[in-house]
Amino acid sequence: MPLEHQKIWLDEEPDDEGIAKRVKQGIAVEPGGTPIGYDILSYGGYRDFGHSWLCSGLEKDMHELFGIRANELGLLATYDDARKVYEWIAEDECKGIRAEPEPYDMWLLLSYPLS
């Protein structure tokens, strides 16, 4: 994703809240998390995450084009698979033909034990 897209959503959120805080301040994720997979998410006009790659029904296309399937949690198992899906969506340049007309980014999701 071009950096200008990342800057847009980071600039729209207060510096002291949520993901924007962690990214802007370079705060690392909490230790103890287990990676469970990647998701490709858009950032919408409501200053929040908008759509997953699954919202556009891309699982069939991604399997036919690249042999990629979501894991049992609906996430992409590897960085390489996530990168392929992300790059394929990004080639559309937010025109809304391949996915929603919003910038997308790759996210690694972590699971933490309940304490």
Protein backbone atom coordinates (compact mmCIF):
# COMPACT_ATOMS: atom_id res chain seq x y z
CA MET A 1 0.00 0.00 0.00
CA PRO A 2 1.34 3.43 -0.81
CA LEU A 3 2.33 5.32 2.32
CA GLU A 4 -0.12 8.14 1.63
CA HIS A 5 -3.01 5.72 2.33
CA GLN A 6 -1.51 4.71 5.67
CA LYS A 7 -1.01 8.37 6.58
CA ILE A 8 -4.66 9.18 5.81
CA TRP A 9 -6.16 6.87 8.39
CA LEU A 10 -3.49 7.55 10.97
CA ASP A 11 -4.07 11.29 10.69
CA GLU A 12 -7.82 10.89 11.20
CA GLU A 13 -7.53 9.16 14.58
CA PRO A 14 -6.46 10.86 17.81
CA ASP A 15 -2.86 10.14 18.78
CA ASP A 16 -3.88 8.59 22.08
CA GLU A 17 -6.42 5.99 20.92
CA GLY A 18 -6.39 2.46 19.60
CA ILE A 19 -4.28 1.21 16.73
CA ALA A 20 -3.31 4.74 15.69
CA LYS A 21 -1.63 5.23 19.07
CA ARG A 22 0.35 2.03 18.74
CA VAL A 23 1.46 2.79 15.18
CA LYS A 24 2.22 6.50 15.64
CA GLN A 25 4.10 5.98 18.88
CA GLY A 26 5.84 2.80 17.75
CA ILE A 27 4.34 0.79 20.61
CA ALA A 28 5.01 -2.91 20.21
CA VAL A 29 2.26 -5.47 20.57
CA GLU A 30 1.89 -7.02 24.00
CA PRO A 31 3.99 -10.15 24.55
CA GLY A 32 2.29 -13.51 24.77
CA GLY A 33 0.15 -13.29 21.65
CA THR A 34 -0.08 -16.17 19.23
CA PRO A 35 -0.36 -15.32 15.51
CA ILE A 36 -3.62 -16.71 14.14
CA GLY A 37 -3.46 -15.39 10.57
CA TYR A 38 -3.58 -12.35 8.35
CA ASP A 39 -6.52 -10.30 7.16
CA ILE A 40 -6.68 -7.74 4.39
CA LEU A 41 -8.81 -4.85 5.63
CA SER A 42 -9.92 -1.54 4.19
CA TYR A 43 -10.12 1.70 6.07
CA GLY A 44 -13.40 3.42 5.31
CA GLY A 45 -14.83 6.89 5.33
CA TYR A 46 -16.24 6.44 8.83
CA ARG A 47 -12.76 6.55 10.36
CA ASP A 48 -12.89 2.86 11.09
CA PHE A 49 -12.02 -0.40 9.46
CA GLY A 50 -14.38 -1.01 6.58
CA HIS A 51 -14.17 -4.33 4.79
CA SER A 52 -12.24 -7.56 4.82
CA TRP A 53 -11.14 -9.21 1.60
CA LEU A 54 -13.93 -11.73 2.30
CA CYS A 55 -16.63 -9.02 2.11
CA SER A 56 -16.16 -8.87 -1.65
CA GLY A 57 -16.37 -12.65 -2.03
CA LEU A 58 -12.73 -12.89 -3.09
CA GLU A 59 -12.11 -16.31 -1.57
CA LYS A 60 -13.18 -18.05 -4.81
CA ASP A 61 -11.10 -15.73 -7.01
CA MET A 62 -8.04 -16.05 -4.79
CA HIS A 63 -8.30 -19.83 -4.81
CA GLU A 64 -8.67 -19.93 -8.61
CA LEU A 65 -5.87 -17.42 -9.25
CA PHE A 66 -3.35 -18.34 -6.57
CA GLY A 67 -4.54 -21.54 -4.86
CA ILE A 68 -5.13 -19.56 -1.66
CA ARG A 69 -7.74 -20.59 0.89
CA ALA A 70 -8.66 -18.98 4.19
CA ASN A 71 -7.88 -20.98 7.33
CA GLU A 72 -10.52 -22.24 9.77
CA LEU A 73 -10.79 -18.71 11.23
CA GLY A 74 -11.33 -17.08 7.82
CA LEU A 75 -7.79 -15.66 7.87
CA LEU A 76 -4.83 -16.09 5.56
CA ALA A 77 -2.29 -18.49 7.01
CA THR A 78 0.93 -17.00 5.61
CA TYR A 79 2.45 -13.61 4.92
CA ASP A 80 3.01 -14.63 1.28
CA ASP A 81 -0.68 -15.46 0.79
CA ALA A 82 -1.71 -12.19 2.43
CA ARG A 83 0.72 -10.25 0.25
CA LYS A 84 -0.69 -11.82 -2.94
CA VAL A 85 -4.27 -10.96 -1.97
CA TYR A 86 -3.28 -7.44 -0.92
CA GLU A 87 -1.32 -6.77 -4.12
CA TRP A 88 -4.13 -8.13 -6.29
CA ILE A 89 -6.64 -5.78 -4.62
CA ALA A 90 -4.17 -2.84 -4.73
CA GLU A 91 -3.75 -3.22 -8.52
CA ASP A 92 -7.33 -1.93 -8.77
CA GLU A 93 -6.17 1.47 -7.39
CA CYS A 94 -9.35 1.93 -5.28
CA LYS A 95 -11.65 1.84 -8.34
CA GLY A 96 -14.01 -0.62 -6.66
CA ILE A 97 -13.78 -3.32 -9.33
CA ARG A 98 -11.89 -5.96 -7.33
CA ALA A 99 -12.98 -4.87 -3.86
CA GLU A 100 -14.54 -1.89 -2.11
CA PRO A 101 -13.17 1.44 -3.41
CA GLU A 102 -11.11 2.06 -0.28
CA PRO A 103 -7.43 1.62 0.59
CA TYR A 104 -6.61 -1.81 2.00
CA ASP A 105 -3.77 -2.97 4.21
CA MET A 106 -2.45 -6.25 5.61
CA TRP A 107 -2.90 -7.02 9.30
CA LEU A 108 -1.50 -9.87 11.36
CA LEU A 109 -4.01 -10.89 14.03
CA LEU A 110 -2.84 -12.22 17.37
CA SER A 111 -4.71 -14.22 19.97
CA TYR A 112 -4.10 -13.58 23.67
CA PRO A 113 -5.06 -15.82 26.59
CA LEU A 114 -7.90 -14.56 28.75
CA SER A 115 -6.66 -13.73 32.20
